[in-house]
């Protein structure tokens, strides 16, 4: 398996509900973690300071009103990962969980990249729906692959998009023919479990991107249950710990 040093990066703003189990899930699966507290006011920053699994913590000041700067946050996180000697970087959000066998699959993918020249992989996003152990799989929901695992390269060109830009280099996740570089890795998205959270996400992104400039499909699909099909997470591909909470 790969001997690559894998560093995870994430930012958080008022995510105290998700942080404790996030650390428990992530820490055993990577070699180092860089976190950024984006001016939280709910105690998230203090939780991050106390987390022994965080290798390096960045802090941005409280702003009122708070303004999210995704591209700046990710730039700061990548620079910190480079300083820690990352060979590959995993971009992840606090409301996401990696499957149990993530590291073995990631190491195998990184090994393949040595001969193929691949610089980044898209990971399957499984949107949990109505329960913490099942995900939606009909239509677009079974085809969500997001660029998250990428080779550390300080000289690459990175996205400056206000929303939905990749964590990694803008040209790292597709082949020369334009095909997405996918691998047999998945993560689970917790913030789609409850109907109230799905509606909150729809309203949030419609407000941030009212003309759908950042995502052509728009955001109303987030709450559309037409053709709904869900699947249980199969044995061996679970995430731990299983998430239990009310709406966030």
C-alpha atoms as a PDB file:
ATOM      1  CA  UNK A   1       0.000   0.000   0.000  1.00  0.00           C
ATOM      2  CA  UNK A   2       0.949   3.632  -0.402  1.00  0.00           C
ATOM      3  CA  UNK A   3       3.319   5.277   2.034  1.00  0.00           C
ATOM      4  CA  UNK A   4       1.973   8.684   1.064  1.00  0.00           C
ATOM      5  CA  UNK A   5       1.324  11.156   3.867  1.00  0.00           C
ATOM      6  CA  UNK A   6      -2.388  11.929   3.704  1.00  0.00           C
ATOM      7  CA  UNK A   7      -3.550  15.170   5.333  1.00  0.00           C
ATOM      8  CA  UNK A   8      -7.238  16.034   5.766  1.00  0.00           C
ATOM      9  CA  UNK A   9      -8.389  19.657   5.625  1.00  0.00           C
ATOM     10  CA  UNK A  10     -11.694  21.189   6.731  1.00  0.00           C
ATOM     11  CA  UNK A  11     -13.269  24.454   7.818  1.00  0.00           C
ATOM     12  CA  UNK A  12     -16.119  24.971  10.266  1.00  0.00           C
ATOM     13  CA  UNK A  13     -18.503  27.733  11.206  1.00  0.00           C
ATOM     14  CA  UNK A  14     -20.879  27.000  14.111  1.00  0.00           C
ATOM     15  CA  UNK A  15     -20.682  23.228  13.713  1.00  0.00           C
ATOM     16  CA  UNK A  16     -20.603  22.137  17.373  1.00  0.00           C
ATOM     17  CA  UNK A  17     -23.316  19.527  16.704  1.00  0.00           C
ATOM     18  CA  UNK A  18     -21.191  17.670  14.182  1.00  0.00           C
ATOM     19  CA  UNK A  19     -17.614  18.158  15.406  1.00  0.00           C
ATOM     20  CA  UNK A  20     -17.215  15.487  18.136  1.00  0.00           C
ATOM     21  CA  UNK A  21     -18.239  12.542  15.959  1.00  0.00           C
ATOM     22  CA  UNK A  22     -16.430  14.109  12.983  1.00  0.00           C
ATOM     23  CA  UNK A  23     -13.108  13.838  14.786  1.00  0.00           C
ATOM     24  CA  UNK A  24     -13.889  10.300  15.939  1.00  0.00           C
ATOM     25  CA  UNK A  25     -14.625   9.253  12.368  1.00  0.00           C
ATOM     26  CA  UNK A  26     -11.748  11.033  10.635  1.00  0.00           C
ATOM     27  CA  UNK A  27      -8.748  10.759  12.958  1.00  0.00           C
ATOM     28  CA  UNK A  28      -7.983   7.022  12.496  1.00  0.00           C
ATOM     29  CA  UNK A  29      -8.110   7.322   8.696  1.00  0.00           C
ATOM     30  CA  UNK A  30      -5.558  10.059   7.938  1.00  0.00           C
ATOM     31  CA  UNK A  31      -2.026  11.006   8.995  1.00  0.00           C
ATOM     32  CA  UNK A  32      -2.770  14.602  10.005  1.00  0.00           C
ATOM     33  CA  UNK A  33      -5.698  17.021  10.182  1.00  0.00           C
ATOM     34  CA  UNK A  34      -5.741  20.760   9.507  1.00  0.00           C
ATOM     35  CA  UNK A  35      -8.838  22.611  10.696  1.00  0.00           C
ATOM     36  CA  UNK A  36      -9.996  26.197  10.269  1.00  0.00           C
ATOM     37  CA  UNK A  37     -12.475  27.862  12.593  1.00  0.00           C
ATOM     38  CA  UNK A  38     -14.200  30.558  10.541  1.00  0.00           C
ATOM     39  CA  UNK A  39     -15.234  32.827  13.398  1.00  0.00           C
ATOM     40  CA  UNK A  40     -17.666  30.476  15.151  1.00  0.00           C
ATOM     41  CA  UNK A  41     -19.792  31.746  18.020  1.00  0.00           C
ATOM     42  CA  UNK A  42     -21.278  28.438  19.243  1.00  0.00           C
ATOM     43  CA  UNK A  43     -18.182  26.955  20.893  1.00  0.00           C
ATOM     44  CA  UNK A  44     -16.905  25.194  17.771  1.00  0.00           C
ATOM     45  CA  UNK A  45     -13.553  26.945  18.037  1.00  0.00           C
ATOM     46  CA  UNK A  46     -13.075  25.750  21.604  1.00  0.00           C
ATOM     47  CA  UNK A  47     -14.020  22.191  20.611  1.00  0.00           C
ATOM     48  CA  UNK A  48     -11.422  22.315  17.875  1.00  0.00           C
ATOM     49  CA  UNK A  49      -8.773  23.691  20.229  1.00  0.00           C
ATOM     50  CA  UNK A  50      -9.347  20.783  22.615  1.00  0.00           C
ATOM     51  CA  UNK A  51      -9.383  18.105  19.910  1.00  0.00           C
ATOM     52  CA  UNK A  52      -6.144  16.089  20.190  1.00  0.00           C
ATOM     53  CA  UNK A  53      -6.554  14.802  16.646  1.00  0.00           C
ATOM     54  CA  UNK A  54      -6.117  18.258  15.053  1.00  0.00           C
ATOM     55  CA  UNK A  55      -2.502  18.684  13.983  1.00  0.00           C
ATOM     56  CA  UNK A  56      -2.858  22.362  13.121  1.00  0.00           C
ATOM     57  CA  UNK A  57      -5.711  24.776  13.827  1.00  0.00           C
ATOM     58  CA  UNK A  58      -6.236  28.027  11.971  1.00  0.00           C
ATOM     59  CA  UNK A  59      -8.542  30.727  13.339  1.00  0.00           C
ATOM     60  CA  UNK A  60     -10.347  33.540  11.579  1.00  0.00           C
ATOM     61  CA  UNK A  61     -11.988  36.316  13.615  1.00  0.00           C
ATOM     62  CA  UNK A  62     -15.684  36.624  14.374  1.00  0.00           C
ATOM     63  CA  UNK A  63     -17.479  38.827  11.815  1.00  0.00           C
ATOM     64  CA  UNK A  64     -20.900  40.403  12.187  1.00  0.00           C
ATOM     65  CA  UNK A  65     -22.482  39.739   9.849  1.00  0.00           C
ATOM     66  CA  UNK A  66     -20.553  36.597   9.039  1.00  0.00           C
ATOM     67  CA  UNK A  67     -19.404  36.316   5.440  1.00  0.00           C
ATOM     68  CA  UNK A  68     -18.235  32.968   4.109  1.00  0.00           C
ATOM     69  CA  UNK A  69     -15.135  33.007   1.875  1.00  0.00           C
ATOM     70  CA  UNK A  70     -14.792  29.423   0.712  1.00  0.00           C
ATOM     71  CA  UNK A  71     -11.873  29.930  -1.670  1.00  0.00           C
ATOM     72  CA  UNK A  72      -9.784  31.842   0.913  1.00  0.00           C
ATOM     73  CA  UNK A  73     -10.442  29.263   3.617  1.00  0.00           C
ATOM     74  CA  UNK A  74      -9.377  26.431   1.332  1.00  0.00           C
ATOM     75  CA  UNK A  75      -6.258  28.306   0.258  1.00  0.00           C
ATOM     76  CA  UNK A  76      -5.222  28.743   3.889  1.00  0.00           C
ATOM     77  CA  UNK A  77      -5.920  25.076   4.613  1.00  0.00           C
ATOM     78  CA  UNK A  78      -3.935  23.825   1.627  1.00  0.00           C
ATOM     79  CA  UNK A  79      -0.967  26.011   2.531  1.00  0.00           C
ATOM     80  CA  UNK A  80      -0.978  24.559   6.038  1.00  0.00           C
ATOM     81  CA  UNK A  81      -1.145  21.023   4.614  1.00  0.00           C
ATOM     82  CA  UNK A  82       1.831  21.745   2.360  1.00  0.00           C
ATOM     83  CA  UNK A  83       3.774  22.968   5.398  1.00  0.00           C
ATOM     84  CA  UNK A  84       2.978  19.692   7.172  1.00  0.00           C
ATOM     85  CA  UNK A  85       4.547  17.722   4.342  1.00  0.00           C
ATOM     86  CA  UNK A  86       1.374  16.355   2.761  1.00  0.00           C
ATOM     87  CA  UNK A  87       1.819  14.075  -0.258  1.00  0.00           C
ATOM     88  CA  UNK A  88      -1.937  13.871  -0.852  1.00  0.00           C
ATOM     89  CA  UNK A  89      -4.760  15.931   0.607  1.00  0.00           C
ATOM     90  CA  UNK A  90      -8.336  15.018   1.467  1.00  0.00           C
ATOM     91  CA  UNK A  91     -10.901  17.821   1.487  1.00  0.00           C
ATOM     92  CA  UNK A  92     -13.856  17.102   3.747  1.00  0.00           C
ATOM     93  CA  UNK A  93     -16.724  18.944   5.448  1.00  0.00           C
ATOM     94  CA  UNK A  94     -17.724  18.596   9.085  1.00  0.00           C
ATOM     95  CA  UNK A  95     -21.119  17.084   8.210  1.00  0.00           C
ATOM     96  CA  UNK A  96     -19.524  14.283   6.180  1.00  0.00           C
ATOM     97  CA  UNK A  97     -18.296  10.865   7.296  1.00  0.00           C
ATOM     98  CA  UNK A  98     -15.852   8.469   5.675  1.00  0.00           C
ATOM     99  CA  UNK A  99     -16.634   4.791   5.258  1.00  0.00           C
ATOM    100  CA  UNK A 100     -14.873   2.227   7.433  1.00  0.00           C
ATOM    101  CA  UNK A 101     -12.485   1.026   4.691  1.00  0.00           C
ATOM    102  CA  UNK A 102     -11.585   4.485   3.445  1.00  0.00           C
ATOM    103  CA  UNK A 103      -7.842   4.382   4.073  1.00  0.00           C
ATOM    104  CA  UNK A 104      -7.244   1.062   2.354  1.00  0.00           C
ATOM    105  CA  UNK A 105      -9.159   2.252  -0.709  1.00  0.00           C
ATOM    106  CA  UNK A 106      -7.426   5.635  -0.683  1.00  0.00           C
ATOM    107  CA  UNK A 107      -3.979   4.054  -0.451  1.00  0.00           C
ATOM    108  CA  UNK A 108      -4.792   1.753  -3.351  1.00  0.00           C
ATOM    109  CA  UNK A 109      -5.974   4.704  -5.449  1.00  0.00           C
ATOM    110  CA  UNK A 110      -2.831   6.691  -4.632  1.00  0.00           C
ATOM    111  CA  UNK A 111      -0.698   3.706  -5.661  1.00  0.00           C
ATOM    112  CA  UNK A 112      -2.508   3.512  -8.998  1.00  0.00           C
ATOM    113  CA  UNK A 113      -1.927   7.227  -9.520  1.00  0.00           C
ATOM    114  CA  UNK A 114       1.832   6.671  -9.529  1.00  0.00           C
ATOM    115  CA  UNK A 115       1.669   4.824 -12.839  1.00  0.00           C
ATOM    116  CA  UNK A 116      -1.369   6.525 -14.365  1.00  0.00           C
ATOM    117  CA  UNK A 117      -0.366  10.122 -13.692  1.00  0.00           C
ATOM    118  CA  UNK A 118      -3.719  10.879 -12.031  1.00  0.00           C
ATOM    119  CA  UNK A 119      -3.483  13.916  -9.728  1.00  0.00           C
ATOM    120  CA  UNK A 120      -6.925  13.787  -8.159  1.00  0.00           C
ATOM    121  CA  UNK A 121      -9.922  11.539  -7.609  1.00  0.00           C
ATOM    122  CA  UNK A 122     -13.630  12.123  -7.258  1.00  0.00           C
ATOM    123  CA  UNK A 123     -15.292  10.311  -4.360  1.00  0.00           C
ATOM    124  CA  UNK A 124     -18.897   9.172  -4.339  1.00  0.00           C
ATOM    125  CA  UNK A 125     -21.151  11.329  -2.171  1.00  0.00           C
ATOM    126  CA  UNK A 126     -23.934   9.338  -0.533  1.00  0.00           C
ATOM    127  CA  UNK A 127     -26.697  11.601   0.727  1.00  0.00           C
ATOM    128  CA  UNK A 128     -28.216  10.059   3.856  1.00  0.00           C
ATOM    129  CA  UNK A 129     -32.005  10.294   3.760  1.00  0.00           C
ATOM    130  CA  UNK A 130     -34.543   9.975   6.604  1.00  0.00           C
ATOM    131  CA  UNK A 131     -32.221   7.700   8.617  1.00  0.00           C
ATOM    132  CA  UNK A 132     -28.512   7.650   9.489  1.00  0.00           C
ATOM    133  CA  UNK A 133     -27.969   4.241   7.850  1.00  0.00           C
ATOM    134  CA  UNK A 134     -29.568   4.711   4.442  1.00  0.00           C
ATOM    135  CA  UNK A 135     -28.882   6.948   1.455  1.00  0.00           C
ATOM    136  CA  UNK A 136     -30.806   8.142  -1.562  1.00  0.00           C
ATOM    137  CA  UNK A 137     -29.816   6.459  -4.836  1.00  0.00           C
ATOM    138  CA  UNK A 138     -32.395   7.312  -7.537  1.00  0.00           C
ATOM    139  CA  UNK A 139     -31.515   9.542 -10.496  1.00  0.00           C
ATOM    140  CA  UNK A 140     -28.876  12.165  -9.821  1.00  0.00           C
ATOM    141  CA  UNK A 141     -28.556  10.939  -6.242  1.00  0.00           C
ATOM    142  CA  UNK A 142     -26.779   7.780  -7.376  1.00  0.00           C
ATOM    143  CA  UNK A 143     -24.362   9.723  -9.561  1.00  0.00           C
ATOM    144  CA  UNK A 144     -22.805  12.246  -7.203  1.00  0.00           C
ATOM    145  CA  UNK A 145     -19.008  12.149  -7.477  1.00  0.00           C
ATOM    146  CA  UNK A 146     -17.077  15.061  -5.989  1.00  0.00           C
ATOM    147  CA  UNK A 147     -13.364  15.836  -6.322  1.00  0.00           C
ATOM    148  CA  UNK A 148     -11.928  15.505  -2.832  1.00  0.00           C
ATOM    149  CA  UNK A 149      -8.699  13.447  -2.902  1.00  0.00           C
ATOM    150  CA  UNK A 150      -5.769  15.121  -4.646  1.00  0.00           C
ATOM    151  CA  UNK A 151      -2.020  15.242  -4.885  1.00  0.00           C
ATOM    152  CA  UNK A 152      -0.428  18.072  -2.905  1.00  0.00           C
ATOM    153  CA  UNK A 153       0.945  20.596  -5.398  1.00  0.00           C
ATOM    154  CA  UNK A 154       1.707  24.167  -4.273  1.00  0.00           C
ATOM    155  CA  UNK A 155       2.225  25.212  -7.899  1.00  0.00           C
ATOM    156  CA  UNK A 156      -1.139  24.042  -9.248  1.00  0.00           C
ATOM    157  CA  UNK A 157      -4.030  26.355 -10.157  1.00  0.00           C
ATOM    158  CA  UNK A 158      -6.900  26.272  -7.681  1.00  0.00           C
ATOM    159  CA  UNK A 159     -10.499  27.425  -7.921  1.00  0.00           C
ATOM    160  CA  UNK A 160     -11.558  30.852  -6.722  1.00  0.00           C
ATOM    161  CA  UNK A 161     -15.282  30.101  -7.151  1.00  0.00           C
ATOM    162  CA  UNK A 162     -17.542  31.557  -4.474  1.00  0.00           C
ATOM    163  CA  UNK A 163     -19.456  28.260  -4.156  1.00  0.00           C
ATOM    164  CA  UNK A 164     -18.984  24.611  -5.092  1.00  0.00           C
ATOM    165  CA  UNK A 165     -15.383  24.942  -6.252  1.00  0.00           C
ATOM    166  CA  UNK A 166     -13.168  21.871  -5.780  1.00  0.00           C
ATOM    167  CA  UNK A 167     -10.781  21.621  -2.853  1.00  0.00           C
ATOM    168  CA  UNK A 168      -8.006  20.581  -5.239  1.00  0.00           C
ATOM    169  CA  UNK A 169      -6.512  21.839  -8.523  1.00  0.00           C
ATOM    170  CA  UNK A 170      -9.179  22.733 -11.066  1.00  0.00           C
ATOM    171  CA  UNK A 171      -7.726  20.361 -13.671  1.00  0.00           C
ATOM    172  CA  UNK A 172      -6.782  17.463 -11.386  1.00  0.00           C
ATOM    173  CA  UNK A 173      -9.989  15.422 -11.373  1.00  0.00           C
ATOM    174  CA  UNK A 174     -10.476  14.770 -15.091  1.00  0.00           C
ATOM    175  CA  UNK A 175      -8.426  12.890 -17.648  1.00  0.00           C
ATOM    176  CA  UNK A 176      -7.112  14.448 -20.837  1.00  0.00           C
ATOM    177  CA  UNK A 177     -10.287  13.187 -22.533  1.00  0.00           C
ATOM    178  CA  UNK A 178     -12.485  14.879 -19.969  1.00  0.00           C
ATOM    179  CA  UNK A 179     -13.523  11.760 -18.061  1.00  0.00           C
ATOM    180  CA  UNK A 180     -13.898  12.125 -14.304  1.00  0.00           C
ATOM    181  CA  UNK A 181     -11.261  10.215 -12.333  1.00  0.00           C
ATOM    182  CA  UNK A 182     -13.370   8.137  -9.964  1.00  0.00           C
ATOM    183  CA  UNK A 183     -12.358   5.576  -7.397  1.00  0.00           C
ATOM    184  CA  UNK A 184     -14.158   3.113  -5.159  1.00  0.00           C
ATOM    185  CA  UNK A 185     -14.401   5.415  -2.156  1.00  0.00           C
ATOM    186  CA  UNK A 186     -17.499   6.951  -0.632  1.00  0.00           C
ATOM    187  CA  UNK A 187     -18.436   9.443   2.021  1.00  0.00           C
ATOM    188  CA  UNK A 188     -21.805   9.989   3.696  1.00  0.00           C
ATOM    189  CA  UNK A 189     -23.469  13.393   4.005  1.00  0.00           C
ATOM    190  CA  UNK A 190     -25.317  13.806   7.298  1.00  0.00           C
ATOM    191  CA  UNK A 191     -27.020  17.132   6.661  1.00  0.00           C
ATOM    192  CA  UNK A 192     -29.538  15.545   4.319  1.00  0.00           C
ATOM    193  CA  UNK A 193     -30.985  13.090   6.830  1.00  0.00           C
ATOM    194  CA  UNK A 194     -33.805  15.310   8.085  1.00  0.00           C
ATOM    195  CA  UNK A 195     -36.412  17.015   5.905  1.00  0.00           C
ATOM    196  CA  UNK A 196     -35.964  20.263   7.855  1.00  0.00           C
ATOM    197  CA  UNK A 197     -32.224  20.285   7.113  1.00  0.00           C
ATOM    198  CA  UNK A 198     -32.852  19.602   3.435  1.00  0.00           C
ATOM    199  CA  UNK A 199     -35.245  22.548   3.280  1.00  0.00           C
ATOM    200  CA  UNK A 200     -32.733  24.758   5.105  1.00  0.00           C
ATOM    201  CA  UNK A 201     -30.046  23.849   2.563  1.00  0.00           C
ATOM    202  CA  UNK A 202     -32.396  24.605  -0.333  1.00  0.00           C
ATOM    203  CA  UNK A 203     -33.209  28.039   1.071  1.00  0.00           C
ATOM    204  CA  UNK A 204     -29.570  28.779   1.895  1.00  0.00           C
ATOM    205  CA  UNK A 205     -28.238  28.078  -1.584  1.00  0.00           C
ATOM    206  CA  UNK A 206     -31.148  29.743  -3.340  1.00  0.00           C
ATOM    207  CA  UNK A 207     -30.286  32.868  -1.339  1.00  0.00           C
ATOM    208  CA  UNK A 208     -26.542  32.610  -2.045  1.00  0.00           C
ATOM    209  CA  UNK A 209     -26.954  31.780  -5.730  1.00  0.00           C
ATOM    210  CA  UNK A 210     -30.410  33.043  -6.797  1.00  0.00           C
ATOM    211  CA  UNK A 211     -29.583  33.010 -10.509  1.00  0.00           C
ATOM    212  CA  UNK A 212     -28.028  29.534 -10.414  1.00  0.00           C
ATOM    213  CA  UNK A 213     -24.717  30.870 -11.690  1.00  0.00           C
ATOM    214  CA  UNK A 214     -22.709  28.449  -9.570  1.00  0.00           C
ATOM    215  CA  UNK A 215     -24.876  25.379 -10.217  1.00  0.00           C
ATOM    216  CA  UNK A 216     -26.988  25.116 -13.336  1.00  0.00           C
ATOM    217  CA  UNK A 217     -29.355  22.513 -11.910  1.00  0.00           C
ATOM    218  CA  UNK A 218     -30.320  24.916  -9.136  1.00  0.00           C
ATOM    219  CA  UNK A 219     -31.233  23.830  -5.618  1.00  0.00           C
ATOM    220  CA  UNK A 220     -34.920  22.990  -5.544  1.00  0.00           C
ATOM    221  CA  UNK A 221     -34.066  19.372  -6.307  1.00  0.00           C
ATOM    222  CA  UNK A 222     -32.702  19.079  -2.753  1.00  0.00           C
ATOM    223  CA  UNK A 223     -36.231  18.699  -1.395  1.00  0.00           C
ATOM    224  CA  UNK A 224     -37.907  17.022  -4.380  1.00  0.00           C
ATOM    225  CA  UNK A 225     -38.839  13.452  -3.463  1.00  0.00           C
ATOM    226  CA  UNK A 226     -40.149  12.425  -6.893  1.00  0.00           C
ATOM    227  CA  UNK A 227     -39.008   8.873  -7.654  1.00  0.00           C
ATOM    228  CA  UNK A 228     -37.429   8.518  -4.215  1.00  0.00           C
ATOM    229  CA  UNK A 229     -35.398   5.310  -3.737  1.00  0.00           C
ATOM    230  CA  UNK A 230     -33.160   4.649  -0.749  1.00  0.00           C
ATOM    231  CA  UNK A 231     -30.675   1.878   0.016  1.00  0.00           C
ATOM    232  CA  UNK A 232     -29.257   0.667   3.294  1.00  0.00           C
ATOM    233  CA  UNK A 233     -25.525   1.125   3.750  1.00  0.00           C
ATOM    234  CA  UNK A 234     -24.078  -2.328   2.945  1.00  0.00           C
ATOM    235  CA  UNK A 235     -22.082  -4.292   5.519  1.00  0.00           C
ATOM    236  CA  UNK A 236     -18.421  -3.349   5.472  1.00  0.00           C
ATOM    237  CA  UNK A 237     -19.070   0.131   4.129  1.00  0.00           C
ATOM    238  CA  UNK A 238     -20.507   1.683   7.278  1.00  0.00           C
ATOM    239  CA  UNK A 239     -19.244   4.862   8.880  1.00  0.00           C
ATOM    240  CA  UNK A 240     -18.474   5.055  12.580  1.00  0.00           C
ATOM    241  CA  UNK A 241     -19.766   6.323  14.863  1.00  0.00           C
ATOM    242  CA  UNK A 242     -23.310   6.158  13.545  1.00  0.00           C
ATOM    243  CA  UNK A 243     -24.827   9.618  13.745  1.00  0.00           C
ATOM    244  CA  UNK A 244     -27.748  10.197  16.111  1.00  0.00           C
ATOM    245  CA  UNK A 245     -29.238  13.635  16.644  1.00  0.00           C
ATOM    246  CA  UNK A 246     -32.295  15.736  15.952  1.00  0.00           C
ATOM    247  CA  UNK A 247     -32.401  18.343  13.224  1.00  0.00           C
ATOM    248  CA  UNK A 248     -29.487  20.764  13.188  1.00  0.00           C
END
